[in-house]
Amino acid sequence: MRKYLYYSIISFFTSSMTVWFMPGASAGESNSALYVLAGVFWLGFIAGIVFLLPINKGRKADKKYREKQGLPPLLRFFSNKPALVFDVLMIVGVVTICLAFVIRSMPEWVLLAATFTAVFSVEMHGVFNGRGYLWLCVRSGR
C-alpha cells in the first residue's frame, strides 16, 4: 500500500512543478506549450488522487481499524510530522503570495517558488492529514 502513497506524492509533485515552466511557456507566440503544461498539471493531479484510492479502499475494508472522530481531514492541521512540515510550508507559501500582491515588486522566482510551495503543500496537506495516511501509520505501527 505504501507504494501507492509514493506514487501519489510523485504525481502531485509533477503536477506542482508545472508552475515553474509557465513563464517560459507563456512567452511564446503559440499557446500549445500552455496547453501541454495544463495537461501535465491535471494529469498529475488526477493521477495523485487515483493512486490514493486503493489506500482508501483498504482503510474502509479493514474491520479492525477504528477511526478517531474529530475534524474532517481538510480542516485538520499538524496531525503528524509530515503534516506539520507541509502545513507550515503551505502557510508560508500563501502568506508570500499575499505579500506579493501587496508589495508588487517581488522577484518572479520568489513568486514562482511561493506558488509551487503553496500548490504542492496544499496537495500534501490533503495526503498527510487524511484518513488514508493515518490508517497506513496505524497499520505499520507508527
Protein backbone atom coordinates (compact mmCIF):
# COMPACT_ATOMS: atom_id res chain seq x y z
CA MET A 1 0.00 0.00 0.00
CA ARG A 2 2.87 2.39 0.69
CA LYS A 3 3.87 2.29 -2.98
CA TYR A 4 0.54 3.93 -3.84
CA LEU A 5 1.33 6.69 -1.36
CA TYR A 6 4.73 7.26 -3.00
CA TYR A 7 3.20 7.24 -6.50
CA SER A 8 0.63 9.74 -5.33
CA ILE A 9 3.29 12.07 -3.91
CA ILE A 10 5.32 11.85 -7.14
CA SER A 11 2.18 12.61 -9.19
CA PHE A 12 1.30 15.62 -7.06
CA PHE A 13 4.91 16.84 -7.24
CA THR A 14 4.87 16.54 -11.03
CA SER A 15 1.60 18.43 -11.15
CA SER A 16 3.00 21.22 -8.97
CA MET A 17 6.25 21.50 -10.94
CA THR A 18 4.34 22.87 -13.92
CA VAL A 19 4.21 26.22 -12.13
CA TRP A 20 7.95 26.70 -12.77
CA PHE A 21 7.54 26.37 -16.54
CA MET A 22 4.57 28.69 -17.04
CA PRO A 23 6.53 31.94 -17.61
CA GLY A 24 8.56 30.32 -20.39
CA ALA A 25 5.52 28.69 -21.91
CA SER A 26 3.53 31.91 -21.97
CA ALA A 27 6.36 33.88 -23.59
CA GLY A 28 5.94 32.19 -26.98
CA GLU A 29 3.62 33.06 -29.84
CA SER A 30 1.71 29.79 -29.61
CA ASN A 31 -0.40 28.62 -26.70
CA SER A 32 0.43 24.96 -27.29
CA ALA A 33 3.07 24.89 -24.53
CA LEU A 34 0.50 26.24 -22.08
CA TYR A 35 -1.94 23.52 -23.10
CA VAL A 36 0.73 20.87 -22.56
CA LEU A 37 1.52 22.30 -19.11
CA ALA A 38 -2.17 22.38 -18.23
CA GLY A 39 -2.47 18.77 -19.35
CA VAL A 40 0.53 17.72 -17.26
CA PHE A 41 -0.86 19.61 -14.27
CA TRP A 42 -4.27 17.96 -14.44
CA LEU A 43 -2.89 14.54 -15.35
CA GLY A 44 -0.56 14.63 -12.34
CA PHE A 45 -3.30 15.90 -10.07
CA ILE A 46 -5.82 13.27 -11.15
CA ALA A 47 -3.17 10.51 -11.03
CA GLY A 48 -2.32 11.56 -7.47
CA ILE A 49 -5.94 11.17 -6.44
CA VAL A 50 -6.29 7.85 -8.29
CA PHE A 51 -3.22 6.45 -6.50
CA LEU A 52 -4.84 7.31 -3.17
CA LEU A 53 -7.99 5.34 -3.98
CA PRO A 54 -6.54 1.85 -3.15
CA ILE A 55 -5.37 3.19 0.22
CA ASN A 56 -8.85 4.49 0.96
CA LYS A 57 -10.39 1.22 -0.17
CA GLY A 58 -8.05 -0.74 2.11
CA ARG A 59 -8.86 1.57 5.02
CA LYS A 60 -12.59 1.06 4.55
CA ALA A 61 -12.19 -2.71 4.24
CA ASP A 62 -10.12 -3.01 7.42
CA LYS A 63 -12.65 -4.13 10.04
CA LYS A 64 -10.11 -3.87 12.90
CA TYR A 65 -9.35 -0.20 12.29
CA ARG A 66 -11.40 2.35 14.19
CA GLU A 67 -11.06 6.00 13.27
CA LYS A 68 -10.91 8.71 15.87
CA GLN A 69 -13.74 11.14 15.46
CA GLY A 70 -12.69 14.73 15.09
CA LEU A 71 -12.32 17.39 12.47
CA PRO A 72 -12.68 16.43 8.83
CA PRO A 73 -9.27 15.82 7.20
CA LEU A 74 -9.29 19.08 5.21
CA LEU A 75 -9.78 21.06 8.42
CA ARG A 76 -7.22 19.03 10.37
CA PHE A 77 -3.77 20.62 10.67
CA PHE A 78 -0.44 19.49 12.17
CA SER A 79 -1.71 15.96 12.86
CA ASN A 80 1.71 14.29 12.39
CA LYS A 81 5.30 15.18 11.49
CA PRO A 82 4.96 15.22 7.69
CA ALA A 83 1.70 17.14 8.02
CA LEU A 84 3.41 19.67 10.28
CA VAL A 85 6.13 20.29 7.68
CA PHE A 86 3.72 20.71 4.77
CA ASP A 87 1.17 22.72 6.74
CA VAL A 88 3.88 25.21 7.74
CA LEU A 89 5.09 25.35 4.11
CA MET A 90 1.51 25.92 2.98
CA ILE A 91 1.14 28.88 5.32
CA VAL A 92 4.50 30.33 4.22
CA GLY A 93 3.58 29.93 0.54
CA VAL A 94 0.16 31.53 0.88
CA VAL A 95 1.49 34.41 3.01
CA THR A 96 4.26 35.04 0.45
CA ILE A 97 1.73 35.12 -2.41
CA CYS A 98 -0.43 37.58 -0.44
CA LEU A 99 2.62 39.76 0.24
CA ALA A 100 3.46 39.72 -3.46
CA PHE A 101 0.06 41.25 -4.22
CA VAL A 102 0.60 43.95 -1.61
CA ILE A 103 4.27 44.71 -2.35
CA ARG A 104 4.02 44.35 -6.17
CA SER A 105 7.82 44.34 -6.59
CA MET A 106 8.70 40.77 -5.66
CA PRO A 107 11.14 38.91 -7.94
CA GLU A 108 9.45 36.46 -10.29
CA TRP A 109 11.40 33.46 -8.97
CA VAL A 110 10.18 34.18 -5.43
CA LEU A 111 6.58 34.29 -6.61
CA LEU A 112 7.07 31.07 -8.60
CA ALA A 113 8.66 29.37 -5.58
CA ALA A 114 5.82 30.54 -3.34
CA THR A 115 3.20 29.34 -5.84
CA PHE A 116 4.89 25.95 -6.19
CA THR A 117 5.19 25.67 -2.40
CA ALA A 118 1.55 26.62 -1.86
CA VAL A 119 0.20 24.25 -4.52
CA PHE A 120 2.34 21.26 -3.53
CA SER A 121 1.83 21.75 0.20
CA VAL A 122 -1.96 22.05 -0.20
CA GLU A 123 -1.92 18.71 -2.01
CA MET A 124 0.34 17.20 0.66
CA HIS A 125 -1.93 18.65 3.36
CA GLY A 126 -4.69 16.50 1.95
CA VAL A 127 -2.45 13.44 1.84
CA PHE A 128 -0.79 13.63 5.26
CA ASN A 129 -3.75 14.93 7.26
CA GLY A 130 -6.06 12.46 5.52
CA ARG A 131 -7.58 9.29 6.88
CA GLY A 132 -5.65 7.04 4.49
CA TYR A 133 -2.23 8.16 5.76
CA LEU A 134 -3.36 7.81 9.36
CA TRP A 135 -4.55 4.27 8.61
CA LEU A 136 -1.21 3.42 6.96
CA CYS A 137 0.64 4.68 10.05
CA VAL A 138 -1.54 2.68 12.44
CA ARG A 139 -1.23 -0.38 10.22
CA SER A 140 2.56 -0.17 10.12
CA GLY A 141 2.82 0.50 13.85
CA ARG A 142 3.98 4.11 13.75
